[in-house]
Amino acid sequence: MKQPRHSYSRAPGGKDIIEGVWQGMGLSQGALMASRGILKAQGNMSSGTELWVLDALLQSGAKGLIVSLAFGPGLTGEAMLLEVADDR
C-alpha cells in the first residue's frame, strides 16, 4: 500500500512552540517550513495564522494529507487532518 505524503501546518505561536512541535513529533527539518516562513514574514496573528500557513502549503503544491495544528492562549490546542483533492 502506498503511503500518503504528509504536510504539516502549524499556526505559529512563536519560535519556541514551533521548535517544540518539531522536536516532539520527530519531524524533518523542512516539515514546518511554511509555519516558520509565515511567522517570519507576518508574525503571530493568533488562530488566523493557520489559514495563512494552509494557503502557503497549497500554493507550494502540497499533496495528500495535511496535519494541521493550532495553539491558543493557555496552550489550548486544535487539530485537523485535511486531504488535498487530486483534481487541484
N, C-alpha and C. Protein backbone atom coordinates (compact mmCIF):
# COMPACT_ATOMS: atom_id res chain seq x y z
N MET A 1 0.83 -1.18 0.00
CA MET A 1 0.00 0.00 0.00
C MET A 1 0.88 1.25 0.00
N LYS A 2 0.58 2.18 -0.88
CA LYS A 2 1.36 3.41 -0.97
C LYS A 2 1.04 4.33 0.21
N GLN A 3 2.09 4.82 0.87
CA GLN A 3 1.91 5.74 1.99
C GLN A 3 1.65 7.15 1.45
N PRO A 4 0.62 7.84 1.97
CA PRO A 4 0.37 9.22 1.50
C PRO A 4 1.47 10.15 1.98
N ARG A 5 1.71 11.17 1.19
CA ARG A 5 2.65 12.21 1.59
C ARG A 5 1.95 13.12 2.58
N HIS A 6 2.63 13.46 3.66
CA HIS A 6 2.06 14.34 4.68
C HIS A 6 2.75 15.69 4.64
N SER A 7 1.95 16.73 4.85
CA SER A 7 2.47 18.07 5.06
C SER A 7 2.01 18.48 6.46
N TYR A 8 2.75 19.36 7.08
CA TYR A 8 2.42 19.80 8.43
C TYR A 8 2.18 21.29 8.45
N SER A 9 1.00 21.67 8.91
CA SER A 9 0.62 23.07 9.03
C SER A 9 0.49 23.38 10.51
N ARG A 10 1.29 24.31 10.99
CA ARG A 10 1.31 24.64 12.40
C ARG A 10 1.18 26.14 12.53
N ALA A 11 0.10 26.58 13.17
CA ALA A 11 -0.06 28.02 13.37
C ALA A 11 1.03 28.52 14.32
N PRO A 12 1.86 29.44 13.86
CA PRO A 12 2.95 29.90 14.71
C PRO A 12 2.45 30.51 16.00
N GLY A 13 2.92 30.01 17.10
CA GLY A 13 2.66 30.61 18.40
C GLY A 13 3.94 31.23 18.90
N GLY A 14 4.92 31.22 18.06
CA GLY A 14 6.25 31.70 18.41
C GLY A 14 7.26 30.60 18.12
N LYS A 15 8.50 31.00 18.05
CA LYS A 15 9.58 30.07 17.70
C LYS A 15 9.65 28.88 18.66
N ASP A 16 9.46 29.11 19.96
CA ASP A 16 9.56 28.02 20.94
C ASP A 16 8.50 26.95 20.70
N ILE A 17 7.28 27.37 20.36
CA ILE A 17 6.22 26.39 20.12
C ILE A 17 6.50 25.61 18.83
N ILE A 18 6.94 26.31 17.79
CA ILE A 18 7.28 25.61 16.54
C ILE A 18 8.38 24.58 16.79
N GLU A 19 9.41 24.98 17.52
CA GLU A 19 10.52 24.05 17.81
C GLU A 19 10.04 22.88 18.67
N GLY A 20 9.16 23.15 19.64
CA GLY A 20 8.63 22.09 20.48
C GLY A 20 7.83 21.06 19.70
N VAL A 21 7.00 21.53 18.77
CA VAL A 21 6.23 20.62 17.92
C VAL A 21 7.18 19.82 17.03
N TRP A 22 8.14 20.51 16.43
CA TRP A 22 9.10 19.86 15.54
C TRP A 22 9.85 18.74 16.27
N GLN A 23 10.37 19.05 17.45
CA GLN A 23 11.13 18.06 18.21
C GLN A 23 10.22 16.97 18.77
N GLY A 24 9.09 17.36 19.34
CA GLY A 24 8.19 16.40 19.96
C GLY A 24 7.62 15.38 18.99
N MET A 25 7.41 15.81 17.74
CA MET A 25 6.85 14.90 16.73
C MET A 25 7.94 14.22 15.91
N GLY A 26 9.20 14.60 16.12
CA GLY A 26 10.29 13.99 15.36
C GLY A 26 10.21 14.28 13.88
N LEU A 27 9.87 15.52 13.51
CA LEU A 27 9.70 15.88 12.10
C LEU A 27 11.03 16.23 11.45
N SER A 28 11.04 16.18 10.12
CA SER A 28 12.23 16.57 9.38
C SER A 28 12.41 18.09 9.47
N GLN A 29 13.61 18.56 9.14
CA GLN A 29 13.92 20.00 9.23
C GLN A 29 12.95 20.85 8.42
N GLY A 30 12.55 20.39 7.24
CA GLY A 30 11.69 21.18 6.37
C GLY A 30 10.21 21.04 6.61
N ALA A 31 9.80 20.17 7.53
CA ALA A 31 8.39 19.87 7.73
C ALA A 31 7.56 21.09 8.13
N LEU A 32 8.13 22.01 8.86
CA LEU A 32 7.40 23.19 9.32
C LEU A 32 7.89 24.47 8.65
N MET A 33 8.44 24.32 7.44
CA MET A 33 8.99 25.47 6.72
C MET A 33 7.92 26.54 6.47
N ALA A 34 6.70 26.13 6.11
CA ALA A 34 5.63 27.11 5.86
C ALA A 34 5.30 27.87 7.14
N SER A 35 5.24 27.17 8.27
CA SER A 35 4.95 27.83 9.55
C SER A 35 6.03 28.83 9.91
N ARG A 36 7.28 28.43 9.74
CA ARG A 36 8.40 29.33 10.05
C ARG A 36 8.38 30.55 9.13
N GLY A 37 8.08 30.32 7.85
CA GLY A 37 8.05 31.42 6.88
C GLY A 37 6.98 32.45 7.19
N ILE A 38 5.78 31.97 7.55
CA ILE A 38 4.69 32.89 7.89
C ILE A 38 5.02 33.64 9.17
N LEU A 39 5.58 32.96 10.17
CA LEU A 39 5.97 33.64 11.42
C LEU A 39 6.97 34.75 11.12
N LYS A 40 7.94 34.46 10.28
CA LYS A 40 8.97 35.46 9.96
C LYS A 40 8.40 36.63 9.16
N ALA A 41 7.54 36.34 8.18
CA ALA A 41 7.02 37.38 7.30
C ALA A 41 5.86 38.18 7.91
N GLN A 42 4.98 37.52 8.66
CA GLN A 42 3.76 38.16 9.14
C GLN A 42 3.67 38.30 10.66
N GLY A 43 4.48 37.52 11.38
CA GLY A 43 4.37 37.50 12.82
C GLY A 43 3.25 36.56 13.25
N ASN A 44 3.02 36.48 14.55
CA ASN A 44 1.97 35.64 15.09
C ASN A 44 0.64 36.38 15.01
N MET A 45 -0.29 35.88 14.20
CA MET A 45 -1.60 36.51 14.01
C MET A 45 -2.69 35.73 14.73
N SER A 46 -2.34 35.06 15.81
CA SER A 46 -3.26 34.25 16.60
C SER A 46 -3.81 33.11 15.73
N SER A 47 -5.03 32.67 16.00
CA SER A 47 -5.56 31.48 15.31
C SER A 47 -5.71 31.69 13.80
N GLY A 48 -5.88 32.93 13.35
CA GLY A 48 -5.98 33.20 11.92
C GLY A 48 -4.72 32.85 11.14
N THR A 49 -3.61 32.73 11.85
CA THR A 49 -2.34 32.38 11.21
C THR A 49 -2.45 31.04 10.48
N GLU A 50 -3.25 30.14 11.03
CA GLU A 50 -3.37 28.80 10.43
C GLU A 50 -3.83 28.87 8.98
N LEU A 51 -4.74 29.80 8.67
CA LEU A 51 -5.20 29.94 7.29
C LEU A 51 -4.07 30.40 6.37
N TRP A 52 -3.21 31.26 6.87
CA TRP A 52 -2.06 31.72 6.09
C TRP A 52 -1.09 30.56 5.82
N VAL A 53 -0.87 29.74 6.84
CA VAL A 53 0.04 28.60 6.68
C VAL A 53 -0.56 27.58 5.70
N LEU A 54 -1.85 27.30 5.82
CA LEU A 54 -2.50 26.37 4.88
C LEU A 54 -2.42 26.90 3.46
N ASP A 55 -2.65 28.20 3.27
CA ASP A 55 -2.54 28.79 1.94
C ASP A 55 -1.12 28.64 1.39
N ALA A 56 -0.12 28.89 2.22
CA ALA A 56 1.27 28.74 1.77
C ALA A 56 1.55 27.30 1.34
N LEU A 57 1.04 26.32 2.09
CA LEU A 57 1.24 24.92 1.73
C LEU A 57 0.57 24.60 0.40
N LEU A 58 -0.66 25.05 0.22
CA LEU A 58 -1.38 24.78 -1.03
C LEU A 58 -0.71 25.47 -2.21
N GLN A 59 -0.24 26.71 -2.01
CA GLN A 59 0.45 27.42 -3.08
C GLN A 59 1.76 26.74 -3.47
N SER A 60 2.37 26.03 -2.51
CA SER A 60 3.63 25.34 -2.81
C SER A 60 3.41 23.96 -3.41
N GLY A 61 2.14 23.58 -3.60
CA GLY A 61 1.84 22.31 -4.25
C GLY A 61 1.68 21.13 -3.32
N ALA A 62 1.33 21.37 -2.06
CA ALA A 62 1.13 20.26 -1.11
C ALA A 62 0.11 19.28 -1.66
N LYS A 63 0.39 18.02 -1.51
CA LYS A 63 -0.50 16.94 -1.96
C LYS A 63 -0.75 15.99 -0.80
N GLY A 64 -1.78 15.19 -0.91
CA GLY A 64 -2.04 14.17 0.10
C GLY A 64 -2.62 14.77 1.36
N LEU A 65 -2.14 14.31 2.49
CA LEU A 65 -2.68 14.73 3.78
C LEU A 65 -1.92 15.91 4.36
N ILE A 66 -2.66 16.79 5.04
CA ILE A 66 -2.06 17.89 5.78
C ILE A 66 -2.47 17.74 7.23
N VAL A 67 -1.50 17.64 8.10
CA VAL A 67 -1.74 17.59 9.54
C VAL A 67 -1.69 19.04 10.02
N SER A 68 -2.83 19.54 10.47
CA SER A 68 -2.96 20.94 10.85
C SER A 68 -3.09 21.06 12.36
N LEU A 69 -2.20 21.83 12.96
CA LEU A 69 -2.20 22.04 14.41
C LEU A 69 -2.21 23.53 14.72
N ALA A 70 -3.02 23.93 15.68
CA ALA A 70 -3.04 25.33 16.10
C ALA A 70 -3.09 25.37 17.62
N PHE A 71 -2.44 26.36 18.19
CA PHE A 71 -2.40 26.51 19.64
C PHE A 71 -2.86 27.92 20.00
N GLY A 72 -3.57 28.03 21.12
CA GLY A 72 -4.08 29.32 21.55
C GLY A 72 -3.68 29.64 22.97
N PRO A 73 -4.31 30.68 23.52
CA PRO A 73 -3.99 31.13 24.88
C PRO A 73 -4.16 30.00 25.90
N GLY A 74 -3.28 29.98 26.88
CA GLY A 74 -3.35 28.93 27.90
C GLY A 74 -2.97 27.58 27.35
N LEU A 75 -2.33 27.58 26.21
CA LEU A 75 -1.93 26.38 25.49
C LEU A 75 -3.11 25.47 25.16
N THR A 76 -4.19 26.07 24.68
CA THR A 76 -5.28 25.30 24.12
C THR A 76 -4.84 24.80 22.75
N GLY A 77 -5.39 23.72 22.30
CA GLY A 77 -4.96 23.17 21.02
C GLY A 77 -6.11 22.72 20.15
N GLU A 78 -5.90 22.80 18.85
CA GLU A 78 -6.84 22.32 17.86
C GLU A 78 -6.05 21.52 16.85
N ALA A 79 -6.67 20.49 16.31
CA ALA A 79 -6.00 19.68 15.29
C ALA A 79 -7.00 19.25 14.23
N MET A 80 -6.53 19.20 13.00
CA MET A 80 -7.34 18.73 11.87
C MET A 80 -6.46 17.88 10.97
N LEU A 81 -7.05 16.89 10.36
CA LEU A 81 -6.38 16.13 9.31
C LEU A 81 -7.14 16.42 8.03
N LEU A 82 -6.47 17.09 7.09
CA LEU A 82 -7.09 17.52 5.84
C LEU A 82 -6.49 16.71 4.69
N GLU A 83 -7.29 16.51 3.65
CA GLU A 83 -6.78 15.83 2.46
C GLU A 83 -6.96 16.74 1.26
N VAL A 84 -5.87 16.96 0.52
CA VAL A 84 -5.91 17.80 -0.68
C VAL A 84 -6.50 16.97 -1.81
N ALA A 85 -7.50 17.51 -2.46
CA ALA A 85 -8.16 16.82 -3.58
C ALA A 85 -7.19 16.63 -4.73
N ASP A 86 -7.28 15.50 -5.39
CA ASP A 86 -6.40 15.19 -6.52
C ASP A 86 -6.63 16.09 -7.72
N ASP A 87 -7.82 16.68 -7.84
CA ASP A 87 -8.13 17.47 -9.03
C ASP A 87 -7.76 18.94 -8.89
N ARG A 88 -6.93 19.29 -7.90
CA ARG A 88 -6.48 20.67 -7.75
C ARG A 88 -5.50 21.01 -8.83
